[in-house]
Amino acid sequence: MASDLDYVRIINQSRLELEAAGNPSYLVVVVDHAGEPHLAPMVFSTPGPAVDHATRIGRAAFETGEQVVIVSRSVADRRAMFTVMDPRTQKKLHQRPEVVEETLADIDRAI
C-alpha cells in the first residue's frame, strides 16, 4: 500500500485539524487517485474509534482504488510527533518529529 503516498503532504493537510483537536488526536484521511488527501470530518482522541471509522471508509475506498490512512499527532514536552499509519495493520508508515514552538506569551517571560 503506501510506498507511493506523499506523507509530508498528508501531514501538512491534516496539521490544523490535529493541532486544534488537542493531544493526542487521530484523523482518517482518504487519498484519491491523484494523491490529494481528503480529511474525514471527525477527529478522534483515541486510536480505536479512528481505526473503526477508517475500516468503514476503507471498504468503499478499496472498491474505487483510493487509499485510507490514519494520521495522528501527539505532544510530549516540546516535541510533537506526527504519525501516518495503515488502519488495517496499525503499522506505522511514516513518522515526523517536530519541535513545538512557544511564543513569549506562552512562556510568560519578559523580552
PDB file of N, CA and C in Angstrom:
ATOM      1  N   MET A   1       0.836  -1.186   0.000  1.00  0.00           N
ATOM      2  CA  MET A   1       0.000   0.000   0.000  1.00  0.00           C
ATOM      3  C   MET A   1       0.868   1.232   0.000  1.00  0.00           C
ATOM      4  N   ALA A   2       1.338   1.812   0.620  1.00  0.00           N
ATOM      5  CA  ALA A   2       1.710   3.142   0.981  1.00  0.00           C
ATOM      6  C   ALA A   2       2.995   3.701   0.432  1.00  0.00           C
ATOM      7  N   SER A   3       3.750   2.917  -0.310  1.00  0.00           N
ATOM      8  CA  SER A   3       5.035   3.451  -0.756  1.00  0.00           C
ATOM      9  C   SER A   3       4.888   4.636  -1.696  1.00  0.00           C
ATOM     10  N   ASP A   4       3.761   4.756  -2.351  1.00  0.00           N
ATOM     11  CA  ASP A   4       3.562   5.850  -3.292  1.00  0.00           C
ATOM     12  C   ASP A   4       2.844   7.057  -2.674  1.00  0.00           C
ATOM     13  N   LEU A   5       2.634   7.048  -1.379  1.00  0.00           N
ATOM     14  CA  LEU A   5       1.961   8.163  -0.719  1.00  0.00           C
ATOM     15  C   LEU A   5       2.936   9.289  -0.414  1.00  0.00           C
ATOM     16  N   ASP A   6       2.461  10.520  -0.525  1.00  0.00           N
ATOM     17  CA  ASP A   6       3.249  11.705  -0.171  1.00  0.00           C
ATOM     18  C   ASP A   6       2.935  12.028   1.295  1.00  0.00           C
ATOM     19  N   TYR A   7       3.729  11.465   2.201  1.00  0.00           N
ATOM     20  CA  TYR A   7       3.460  11.586   3.627  1.00  0.00           C
ATOM     21  C   TYR A   7       3.496  13.029   4.112  1.00  0.00           C
ATOM     22  N   VAL A   8       4.443  13.804   3.623  1.00  0.00           N
ATOM     23  CA  VAL A   8       4.551  15.203   4.053  1.00  0.00           C
ATOM     24  C   VAL A   8       3.287  15.969   3.660  1.00  0.00           C
ATOM     25  N   ARG A   9       2.800  15.731   2.473  1.00  0.00           N
ATOM     26  CA  ARG A   9       1.564  16.395   2.018  1.00  0.00           C
ATOM     27  C   ARG A   9       0.376  15.987   2.888  1.00  0.00           C
ATOM     28  N   ILE A  10       0.285  14.710   3.209  1.00  0.00           N
ATOM     29  CA  ILE A  10      -0.811  14.216   4.043  1.00  0.00           C
ATOM     30  C   ILE A  10      -0.745  14.854   5.435  1.00  0.00           C
ATOM     31  N   ILE A  11       0.440  14.908   6.017  1.00  0.00           N
ATOM     32  CA  ILE A  11       0.601  15.507   7.345  1.00  0.00           C
ATOM     33  C   ILE A  11       0.279  16.994   7.303  1.00  0.00           C
ATOM     34  N   ASN A  12       0.802  17.701   6.317  1.00  0.00           N
ATOM     35  CA  ASN A  12       0.546  19.142   6.237  1.00  0.00           C
ATOM     36  C   ASN A  12      -0.927  19.448   6.017  1.00  0.00           C
ATOM     37  N   GLN A  13      -1.619  18.618   5.254  1.00  0.00           N
ATOM     38  CA  GLN A  13      -3.053  18.806   5.032  1.00  0.00           C
ATOM     39  C   GLN A  13      -3.839  18.570   6.329  1.00  0.00           C
ATOM     40  N   SER A  14      -3.340  17.686   7.174  1.00  0.00           N
ATOM     41  CA  SER A  14      -4.030  17.304   8.411  1.00  0.00           C
ATOM     42  C   SER A  14      -3.660  18.169   9.609  1.00  0.00           C
ATOM     43  N   ARG A  15      -2.583  18.892   9.517  1.00  0.00           N
ATOM     44  CA  ARG A  15      -1.973  19.602  10.636  1.00  0.00           C
ATOM     45  C   ARG A  15      -2.949  20.471  11.441  1.00  0.00           C
ATOM     46  N   LEU A  16      -3.662  21.361  10.797  1.00  0.00           N
ATOM     47  CA  LEU A  16      -4.535  22.296  11.524  1.00  0.00           C
ATOM     48  C   LEU A  16      -5.634  21.577  12.296  1.00  0.00           C
ATOM     49  N   GLU A  17      -6.237  20.589  11.669  1.00  0.00           N
ATOM     50  CA  GLU A  17      -7.296  19.821  12.351  1.00  0.00           C
ATOM     51  C   GLU A  17      -6.745  19.113  13.582  1.00  0.00           C
ATOM     52  N   LEU A  18      -5.576  18.495  13.434  1.00  0.00           N
ATOM     53  CA  LEU A  18      -4.988  17.752  14.545  1.00  0.00           C
ATOM     54  C   LEU A  18      -4.543  18.671  15.668  1.00  0.00           C
ATOM     55  N   GLU A  19      -3.931  19.800  15.327  1.00  0.00           N
ATOM     56  CA  GLU A  19      -3.483  20.743  16.348  1.00  0.00           C
ATOM     57  C   GLU A  19      -4.665  21.338  17.111  1.00  0.00           C
ATOM     58  N   ALA A  20      -5.744  21.616  16.403  1.00  0.00           N
ATOM     59  CA  ALA A  20      -6.924  22.206  17.037  1.00  0.00           C
ATOM     60  C   ALA A  20      -7.636  21.207  17.946  1.00  0.00           C
ATOM     61  N   ALA A  21      -7.498  19.932  17.666  1.00  0.00           N
ATOM     62  CA  ALA A  21      -8.233  18.907  18.407  1.00  0.00           C
ATOM     63  C   ALA A  21      -7.624  18.580  19.760  1.00  0.00           C
ATOM     64  N   GLY A  22      -6.364  18.898  19.967  1.00  0.00           N
ATOM     65  CA  GLY A  22      -5.754  18.595  21.261  1.00  0.00           C
ATOM     66  C   GLY A  22      -4.767  17.450  21.171  1.00  0.00           C
ATOM     67  N   ASN A  23      -4.435  16.912  22.321  1.00  0.00           N
ATOM     68  CA  ASN A  23      -3.382  15.906  22.416  1.00  0.00           C
ATOM     69  C   ASN A  23      -3.864  14.690  23.190  1.00  0.00           C
ATOM     70  N   PRO A  24      -3.770  13.514  22.634  1.00  0.00           N
ATOM     71  CA  PRO A  24      -3.434  13.162  21.252  1.00  0.00           C
ATOM     72  C   PRO A  24      -4.660  13.283  20.360  1.00  0.00           C
ATOM     73  N   SER A  25      -4.441  13.226  19.073  1.00  0.00           N
ATOM     74  CA  SER A  25      -5.560  13.287  18.136  1.00  0.00           C
ATOM     75  C   SER A  25      -5.283  12.388  16.929  1.00  0.00           C
ATOM     76  N   TYR A  26      -6.361  11.860  16.356  1.00  0.00           N
ATOM     77  CA  TYR A  26      -6.287  10.909  15.251  1.00  0.00           C
ATOM     78  C   TYR A  26      -7.292  11.326  14.186  1.00  0.00           C
ATOM     79  N   LEU A  27      -6.860  11.294  12.939  1.00  0.00           N
ATOM     80  CA  LEU A  27      -7.687  11.746  11.826  1.00  0.00           C
ATOM     81  C   LEU A  27      -7.595  10.734  10.687  1.00  0.00           C
ATOM     82  N   VAL A  28      -8.734  10.380  10.129  1.00  0.00           N
ATOM     83  CA  VAL A  28      -8.775   9.478   8.977  1.00  0.00           C
ATOM     84  C   VAL A  28      -8.657  10.311   7.707  1.00  0.00           C
ATOM     85  N   VAL A  29      -7.796   9.871   6.800  1.00  0.00           N
ATOM     86  CA  VAL A  29      -7.553  10.586   5.552  1.00  0.00           C
ATOM     87  C   VAL A  29      -7.698   9.610   4.392  1.00  0.00           C
ATOM     88  N   VAL A  30      -8.468  10.022   3.382  1.00  0.00           N
ATOM     89  CA  VAL A  30      -8.604   9.247   2.148  1.00  0.00           C
ATOM     90  C   VAL A  30      -7.758   9.938   1.088  1.00  0.00           C
ATOM     91  N   VAL A  31      -6.877   9.180   0.464  1.00  0.00           N
ATOM     92  CA  VAL A  31      -6.011   9.719  -0.584  1.00  0.00           C
ATOM     93  C   VAL A  31      -6.553   9.234  -1.922  1.00  0.00           C
ATOM     94  N   ASP A  32      -6.944  10.191  -2.783  1.00  0.00           N
ATOM     95  CA  ASP A  32      -7.544   9.823  -4.064  1.00  0.00           C
ATOM     96  C   ASP A  32      -6.477   9.417  -5.082  1.00  0.00           C
ATOM     97  N   HIS A  33      -6.919   9.108  -6.292  1.00  0.00           N
ATOM     98  CA  HIS A  33      -6.016   8.635  -7.351  1.00  0.00           C
ATOM     99  C   HIS A  33      -4.958   9.660  -7.723  1.00  0.00           C
ATOM    100  N   ALA A  34      -5.257  10.937  -7.558  1.00  0.00           N
ATOM    101  CA  ALA A  34      -4.309  12.000  -7.898  1.00  0.00           C
ATOM    102  C   ALA A  34      -3.346  12.284  -6.743  1.00  0.00           C
ATOM    103  N   GLY A  35      -3.503  11.586  -5.620  1.00  0.00           N
ATOM    104  CA  GLY A  35      -2.644  11.809  -4.460  1.00  0.00           C
ATOM    105  C   GLY A  35      -3.120  12.908  -3.540  1.00  0.00           C
ATOM    106  N   GLU A  36      -4.319  13.417  -3.793  1.00  0.00           N
ATOM    107  CA  GLU A  36      -4.869  14.501  -2.977  1.00  0.00           C
ATOM    108  C   GLU A  36      -5.494  13.929  -1.700  1.00  0.00           C
ATOM    109  N   PRO A  37      -5.061  14.395  -0.515  1.00  0.00           N
ATOM    110  CA  PRO A  37      -5.649  13.927   0.737  1.00  0.00           C
ATOM    111  C   PRO A  37      -6.994  14.599   1.016  1.00  0.00           C
ATOM    112  N   HIS A  38      -7.961  13.802   1.439  1.00  0.00           N
ATOM    113  CA  HIS A  38      -9.290  14.303   1.823  1.00  0.00           C
ATOM    114  C   HIS A  38      -9.534  13.877   3.264  1.00  0.00           C
ATOM    115  N   LEU A  39      -9.738  14.863   4.139  1.00  0.00           N
ATOM    116  CA  LEU A  39      -9.891  14.606   5.560  1.00  0.00           C
ATOM    117  C   LEU A  39     -11.304  14.179   5.907  1.00  0.00           C
ATOM    118  N   ALA A  40     -11.408  13.182   6.760  1.00  0.00           N
ATOM    119  CA  ALA A  40     -12.718  12.802   7.291  1.00  0.00           C
ATOM    120  C   ALA A  40     -13.183  13.927   8.219  1.00  0.00           C
ATOM    121  N   PRO A  41     -14.493  14.091   8.403  1.00  0.00           N
ATOM    122  CA  PRO A  41     -14.998  15.231   9.178  1.00  0.00           C
ATOM    123  C   PRO A  41     -14.867  15.094  10.692  1.00  0.00           C
ATOM    124  N   MET A  42     -14.325  13.980  11.182  1.00  0.00           N
ATOM    125  CA  MET A  42     -14.220  13.789  12.631  1.00  0.00           C
ATOM    126  C   MET A  42     -12.769  13.586  13.033  1.00  0.00           C
ATOM    127  N   VAL A  43     -12.407  14.132  14.193  1.00  0.00           N
ATOM    128  CA  VAL A  43     -11.094  13.895  14.779  1.00  0.00           C
ATOM    129  C   VAL A  43     -11.335  13.125  16.067  1.00  0.00           C
ATOM    130  N   PHE A  44     -10.537  12.096  16.301  1.00  0.00           N
ATOM    131  CA  PHE A  44     -10.720  11.216  17.454  1.00  0.00           C
ATOM    132  C   PHE A  44      -9.603  11.428  18.470  1.00  0.00           C
ATOM    133  N   SER A  45      -9.887  11.133  19.728  1.00  0.00           N
ATOM    134  CA  SER A  45      -8.888  11.300  20.777  1.00  0.00           C
ATOM    135  C   SER A  45      -8.204   9.984  21.148  1.00  0.00           C
ATOM    136  N   THR A  46      -8.690   8.878  20.600  1.00  0.00           N
ATOM    137  CA  THR A  46      -8.065   7.573  20.822  1.00  0.00           C
ATOM    138  C   THR A  46      -7.997   6.832  19.485  1.00  0.00           C
ATOM    139  N   PRO A  47      -7.080   5.889  19.354  1.00  0.00           N
ATOM    140  CA  PRO A  47      -6.923   5.219  18.063  1.00  0.00           C
ATOM    141  C   PRO A  47      -8.055   4.258  17.701  1.00  0.00           C
ATOM    142  N   GLY A  48      -8.696   3.637  18.688  1.00  0.00           N
ATOM    143  CA  GLY A  48      -9.732   2.637  18.401  1.00  0.00           C
ATOM    144  C   GLY A  48     -10.854   3.140  17.506  1.00  0.00           C
ATOM    145  N   PRO A  49     -11.525   4.232  17.881  1.00  0.00           N
ATOM    146  CA  PRO A  49     -12.593   4.748  17.023  1.00  0.00           C
ATOM    147  C   PRO A  49     -12.089   5.209  15.651  1.00  0.00           C
ATOM    148  N   ALA A  50     -10.863   5.715  15.589  1.00  0.00           N
ATOM    149  CA  ALA A  50     -10.293   6.126  14.300  1.00  0.00           C
ATOM    150  C   ALA A  50     -10.100   4.907  13.402  1.00  0.00           C
ATOM    151  N   VAL A  51      -9.619   3.813  13.962  1.00  0.00           N
ATOM    152  CA  VAL A  51      -9.441   2.579  13.192  1.00  0.00           C
ATOM    153  C   VAL A  51     -10.794   2.054  12.718  1.00  0.00           C
ATOM    154  N   ASP A  52     -11.801   2.076  13.590  1.00  0.00           N
ATOM    155  CA  ASP A  52     -13.148   1.628  13.205  1.00  0.00           C
ATOM    156  C   ASP A  52     -13.692   2.474  12.057  1.00  0.00           C
ATOM    157  N   HIS A  53     -13.531   3.790  12.169  1.00  0.00           N
ATOM    158  CA  HIS A  53     -14.026   4.693  11.127  1.00  0.00           C
ATOM    159  C   HIS A  53     -13.266   4.467   9.817  1.00  0.00           C
ATOM    160  N   ALA A  54     -11.959   4.308   9.911  1.00  0.00           N
ATOM    161  CA  ALA A  54     -11.143   4.057   8.712  1.00  0.00           C
ATOM    162  C   ALA A  54     -11.518   2.738   8.058  1.00  0.00           C
ATOM    163  N   THR A  55     -11.863   1.750   8.856  1.00  0.00           N
ATOM    164  CA  THR A  55     -12.270   0.454   8.314  1.00  0.00           C
ATOM    165  C   THR A  55     -13.562   0.585   7.527  1.00  0.00           C
ATOM    166  N   ARG A  56     -14.521   1.348   8.072  1.00  0.00           N
ATOM    167  CA  ARG A  56     -15.784   1.558   7.352  1.00  0.00           C
ATOM    168  C   ARG A  56     -15.554   2.309   6.046  1.00  0.00           C
ATOM    169  N   ILE A  57     -14.771   3.381   6.113  1.00  0.00           N
ATOM    170  CA  ILE A  57     -14.471   4.155   4.910  1.00  0.00           C
ATOM    171  C   ILE A  57     -13.650   3.326   3.935  1.00  0.00           C
ATOM    172  N   GLY A  58     -12.748   2.531   4.470  1.00  0.00           N
ATOM    173  CA  GLY A  58     -11.846   1.732   3.644  1.00  0.00           C
ATOM    174  C   GLY A  58     -12.551   0.722   2.769  1.00  0.00           C
ATOM    175  N   ARG A  59     -13.675   0.211   3.217  1.00  0.00           N
ATOM    176  CA  ARG A  59     -14.421  -0.750   2.395  1.00  0.00           C
ATOM    177  C   ARG A  59     -14.836  -0.129   1.073  1.00  0.00           C
ATOM    178  N   ALA A  60     -15.352   1.086   1.122  1.00  0.00           N
ATOM    179  CA  ALA A  60     -15.767   1.782  -0.105  1.00  0.00           C
ATOM    180  C   ALA A  60     -14.550   2.244  -0.903  1.00  0.00           C
ATOM    181  N   ALA A  61     -13.519   2.708  -0.210  1.00  0.00           N
ATOM    182  CA  ALA A  61     -12.319   3.199  -0.896  1.00  0.00           C
ATOM    183  C   ALA A  61     -11.601   2.069  -1.619  1.00  0.00           C
ATOM    184  N   PHE A  62     -11.639   0.867  -1.066  1.00  0.00           N
ATOM    185  CA  PHE A  62     -10.978  -0.275  -1.689  1.00  0.00           C
ATOM    186  C   PHE A  62     -11.556  -0.539  -3.073  1.00  0.00           C
ATOM    187  N   GLU A  63     -12.880  -0.404  -3.199  1.00  0.00           N
ATOM    188  CA  GLU A  63     -13.539  -0.648  -4.478  1.00  0.00           C
ATOM    189  C   GLU A  63     -13.176   0.406  -5.523  1.00  0.00           C
ATOM    190  N   THR A  64     -12.888   1.622  -5.095  1.00  0.00           N
ATOM    191  CA  THR A  64     -12.549   2.694  -6.034  1.00  0.00           C
ATOM    192  C   THR A  64     -11.041   2.850  -6.217  1.00  0.00           C
ATOM    193  N   GLY A  65     -10.252   2.117  -5.431  1.00  0.00           N
ATOM    194  CA  GLY A  65      -8.805   2.192  -5.548  1.00  0.00           C
ATOM    195  C   GLY A  65      -8.165   3.319  -4.755  1.00  0.00           C
ATOM    196  N   GLU A  66      -8.941   3.998  -3.939  1.00  0.00           N
ATOM    197  CA  GLU A  66      -8.378   5.043  -3.087  1.00  0.00           C
ATOM    198  C   GLU A  66      -7.688   4.389  -1.889  1.00  0.00           C
ATOM    199  N   GLN A  67      -6.836   5.145  -1.222  1.00  0.00           N
ATOM    200  CA  GLN A  67      -6.118   4.631  -0.059  1.00  0.00           C
ATOM    201  C   GLN A  67      -6.572   5.372   1.194  1.00  0.00           C
ATOM    202  N   VAL A  68      -6.665   4.651   2.286  1.00  0.00           N
ATOM    203  CA  VAL A  68      -7.084   5.230   3.567  1.00  0.00           C
ATOM    204  C   VAL A  68      -5.944   5.073   4.561  1.00  0.00           C
ATOM    205  N   VAL A  69      -5.627   6.157   5.249  1.00  0.00           N
ATOM    206  CA  VAL A  69      -4.612   6.135   6.308  1.00  0.00           C
ATOM    207  C   VAL A  69      -5.153   6.888   7.512  1.00  0.00           C
ATOM    208  N   ILE A  70      -4.493   6.693   8.642  1.00  0.00           N
ATOM    209  CA  ILE A  70      -4.792   7.458   9.851  1.00  0.00           C
ATOM    210  C   ILE A  70      -3.569   8.307  10.142  1.00  0.00           C
ATOM    211  N   VAL A  71      -3.801   9.582  10.419  1.00  0.00           N
ATOM    212  CA  VAL A  71      -2.725  10.487  10.808  1.00  0.00           C
ATOM    213  C   VAL A  71      -2.968  10.852  12.266  1.00  0.00           C
ATOM    214  N   SER A  72      -1.925  10.718  13.075  1.00  0.00           N
ATOM    215  CA  SER A  72      -2.065  11.075  14.484  1.00  0.00           C
ATOM    216  C   SER A  72      -1.031  12.119  14.856  1.00  0.00           C
ATOM    217  N   ARG A  73      -1.353  12.843  15.918  1.00  0.00           N
ATOM    218  CA  ARG A  73      -0.428  13.836  16.476  1.00  0.00           C
ATOM    219  C   ARG A  73      -0.438  13.678  17.982  1.00  0.00           C
ATOM    220  N   SER A  74       0.765  13.612  18.547  1.00  0.00           N
ATOM    221  CA  SER A  74       0.888  13.592  19.999  1.00  0.00           C
ATOM    222  C   SER A  74       2.023  14.531  20.384  1.00  0.00           C
ATOM    223  N   VAL A  75       1.897  15.121  21.555  1.00  0.00           N
ATOM    224  CA  VAL A  75       2.886  16.085  22.029  1.00  0.00           C
ATOM    225  C   VAL A  75       3.346  15.665  23.414  1.00  0.00           C
ATOM    226  N   ALA A  76       4.665  15.706  23.604  1.00  0.00           N
ATOM    227  CA  ALA A  76       5.263  15.476  24.914  1.00  0.00           C
ATOM    228  C   ALA A  76       6.380  16.492  25.069  1.00  0.00           C
ATOM    229  N   ASP A  77       6.347  17.215  26.174  1.00  0.00           N
ATOM    230  CA  ASP A  77       7.293  18.308  26.410  1.00  0.00           C
ATOM    231  C   ASP A  77       7.221  19.289  25.251  1.00  0.00           C
ATOM    232  N   ARG A  78       8.311  19.503  24.552  1.00  0.00           N
ATOM    233  CA  ARG A  78       8.321  20.451  23.434  1.00  0.00           C
ATOM    234  C   ARG A  78       8.444  19.727  22.097  1.00  0.00           C
ATOM    235  N   ARG A  79       8.083  18.445  22.066  1.00  0.00           N
ATOM    236  CA  ARG A  79       8.176  17.656  20.840  1.00  0.00           C
ATOM    237  C   ARG A  79       6.795  17.176  20.409  1.00  0.00           C
ATOM    238  N   ALA A  80       6.519  17.348  19.130  1.00  0.00           N
ATOM    239  CA  ALA A  80       5.285  16.821  18.548  1.00  0.00           C
ATOM    240  C   ALA A  80       5.675  15.707  17.594  1.00  0.00           C
ATOM    241  N   MET A  81       4.871  14.668  17.548  1.00  0.00           N
ATOM    242  CA  MET A  81       5.122  13.553  16.641  1.00  0.00           C
ATOM    243  C   MET A  81       3.883  13.347  15.785  1.00  0.00           C
ATOM    244  N   PHE A  82       4.072  13.474  14.478  1.00  0.00           N
ATOM    245  CA  PHE A  82       3.020  13.150  13.518  1.00  0.00           C
ATOM    246  C   PHE A  82       3.308  11.754  12.984  1.00  0.00           C
ATOM    247  N   THR A  83       2.302  10.899  12.984  1.00  0.00           N
ATOM    248  CA  THR A  83       2.471   9.525  12.529  1.00  0.00           C
ATOM    249  C   THR A  83       1.381   9.206  11.511  1.00  0.00           C
ATOM    250  N   VAL A  84       1.783   8.605  10.404  1.00  0.00           N
ATOM    251  CA  VAL A  84       0.837   8.101   9.406  1.00  0.00           C
ATOM    252  C   VAL A  84       0.859   6.586   9.525  1.00  0.00           C
ATOM    253  N   MET A  85      -0.329   5.991   9.671  1.00  0.00           N
ATOM    254  CA  MET A  85      -0.363   4.537   9.808  1.00  0.00           C
ATOM    255  C   MET A  85      -1.443   3.901   8.950  1.00  0.00           C
ATOM    256  N   ASP A  86      -1.219   2.638   8.665  1.00  0.00           N
ATOM    257  CA  ASP A  86      -2.164   1.824   7.910  1.00  0.00           C
ATOM    258  C   ASP A  86      -3.254   1.367   8.886  1.00  0.00           C
ATOM    259  N   PRO A  87      -4.515   1.700   8.634  1.00  0.00           N
ATOM    260  CA  PRO A  87      -5.565   1.333   9.595  1.00  0.00           C
ATOM    261  C   PRO A  87      -5.817  -0.174   9.676  1.00  0.00           C
ATOM    262  N   ARG A  88      -5.485  -0.913   8.625  1.00  0.00           N
ATOM    263  CA  ARG A  88      -5.727  -2.361   8.653  1.00  0.00           C
ATOM    264  C   ARG A  88      -4.752  -3.079   9.572  1.00  0.00           C
ATOM    265  N   THR A  89      -3.486  -2.714   9.487  1.00  0.00           N
ATOM    266  CA  THR A  89      -2.452  -3.388  10.280  1.00  0.00           C
ATOM    267  C   THR A  89      -2.029  -2.565  11.497  1.00  0.00           C
ATOM    268  N   GLN A  90      -2.389  -1.284  11.508  1.00  0.00           N
ATOM    269  CA  GLN A  90      -1.970  -0.310  12.509  1.00  0.00           C
ATOM    270  C   GLN A  90      -0.448  -0.167  12.545  1.00  0.00           C
ATOM    271  N   LYS A  91       0.177  -0.481  11.421  1.00  0.00           N
ATOM    272  CA  LYS A  91       1.622  -0.340  11.270  1.00  0.00           C
ATOM    273  C   LYS A  91       1.959   1.102  10.915  1.00  0.00           C
ATOM    274  N   LYS A  92       3.026   1.625  11.530  1.00  0.00           N
ATOM    275  CA  LYS A  92       3.483   2.972  11.219  1.00  0.00           C
ATOM    276  C   LYS A  92       4.107   2.975   9.829  1.00  0.00           C
ATOM    277  N   LEU A  93       3.607   3.872   8.984  1.00  0.00           N
ATOM    278  CA  LEU A  93       4.145   4.011   7.640  1.00  0.00           C
ATOM    279  C   LEU A  93       5.175   5.134   7.573  1.00  0.00           C
ATOM    280  N   HIS A  94       4.984   6.144   8.429  1.00  0.00           N
ATOM    281  CA  HIS A  94       5.873   7.303   8.418  1.00  0.00           C
ATOM    282  C   HIS A  94       5.717   8.049   9.738  1.00  0.00           C
ATOM    283  N   GLN A  95       6.831   8.582  10.262  1.00  0.00           N
ATOM    284  CA  GLN A  95       6.770   9.433  11.450  1.00  0.00           C
ATOM    285  C   GLN A  95       7.562  10.697  11.191  1.00  0.00           C
ATOM    286  N   ARG A  96       7.043  11.795  11.722  1.00  0.00           N
ATOM    287  CA  ARG A  96       7.706  13.086  11.552  1.00  0.00           C
ATOM    288  C   ARG A  96       7.741  13.801  12.898  1.00  0.00           C
ATOM    289  N   PRO A  97       8.909  13.870  13.527  1.00  0.00           N
ATOM    290  CA  PRO A  97       9.022  14.622  14.781  1.00  0.00           C
ATOM    291  C   PRO A  97       9.201  16.108  14.484  1.00  0.00           C
ATOM    292  N   GLU A  98       8.653  16.936  15.357  1.00  0.00           N
ATOM    293  CA  GLU A  98       8.783  18.391  15.215  1.00  0.00           C
ATOM    294  C   GLU A  98       8.941  19.015  16.587  1.00  0.00           C
ATOM    295  N   VAL A  99       9.566  20.165  16.625  1.00  0.00           N
ATOM    296  CA  VAL A  99       9.689  20.933  17.859  1.00  0.00           C
ATOM    297  C   VAL A  99       8.470  21.848  17.947  1.00  0.00           C
ATOM    298  N   VAL A 100       7.837  21.876  19.111  1.00  0.00           N
ATOM    299  CA  VAL A 100       6.695  22.750  19.325  1.00  0.00           C
ATOM    300  C   VAL A 100       7.235  24.125  19.683  1.00  0.00           C
ATOM    301  N   GLU A 101       6.916  25.092  18.862  1.00  0.00           N
ATOM    302  CA  GLU A 101       7.410  26.444  19.108  1.00  0.00           C
ATOM    303  C   GLU A 101       6.540  27.134  20.149  1.00  0.00           C
ATOM    304  N   GLU A 102       7.202  27.914  21.007  1.00  0.00           N
ATOM    305  CA  GLU A 102       6.496  28.662  22.035  1.00  0.00           C
ATOM    306  C   GLU A 102       6.715  30.148  21.816  1.00  0.00           C
ATOM    307  N   THR A 103       5.674  30.915  22.006  1.00  0.00           N
ATOM    308  CA  THR A 103       5.794  32.367  21.927  1.00  0.00           C
ATOM    309  C   THR A 103       6.174  32.900  23.303  1.00  0.00           C
ATOM    310  N   LEU A 104       6.563  34.158  23.365  1.00  0.00           N
ATOM    311  CA  LEU A 104       6.864  34.767  24.659  1.00  0.00           C
ATOM    312  C   LEU A 104       5.636  34.776  25.559  1.00  0.00           C
ATOM    313  N   ALA A 105       4.469  34.928  24.965  1.00  0.00           N
ATOM    314  CA  ALA A 105       3.232  34.887  25.756  1.00  0.00           C
ATOM    315  C   ALA A 105       3.021  33.503  26.364  1.00  0.00           C
ATOM    316  N   ASP A 106       3.410  32.461  25.612  1.00  0.00           N
ATOM    317  CA  ASP A 106       3.264  31.090  26.125  1.00  0.00           C
ATOM    318  C   ASP A 106       4.171  30.823  27.318  1.00  0.00           C
ATOM    319  N   ILE A 107       5.385  31.332  27.257  1.00  0.00           N
ATOM    320  CA  ILE A 107       6.332  31.044  28.329  1.00  0.00           C
ATOM    321  C   ILE A 107       6.309  32.090  29.435  1.00  0.00           C
ATOM    322  N   ASP A 108       5.554  33.182  29.226  1.00  0.00           N
ATOM    323  CA  ASP A 108       5.317  34.207  30.240  1.00  0.00           C
ATOM    324  C   ASP A 108       6.613  34.794  30.797  1.00  0.00           C
ATOM    325  N   ARG A 109       7.485  35.208  29.876  1.00  0.00           N
ATOM    326  CA  ARG A 109       8.733  35.858  30.269  1.00  0.00           C
ATOM    327  C   ARG A 109       8.846  37.223  29.605  1.00  0.00           C
ATOM    328  N   ALA A 110       9.580  38.079  30.239  1.00  0.00           N
ATOM    329  CA  ALA A 110       9.836  39.398  29.660  1.00  0.00           C
ATOM    330  C   ALA A 110      10.833  39.277  28.514  1.00  0.00           C
ATOM    331  N   ILE A 111      10.761  40.233  27.614  1.00  0.00           N
ATOM    332  CA  ILE A 111      11.673  40.231  26.460  1.00  0.00           C
ATOM    333  C   ILE A 111      13.057  40.676  26.899  1.00  0.00           C
TER     334      ILE A 111
END
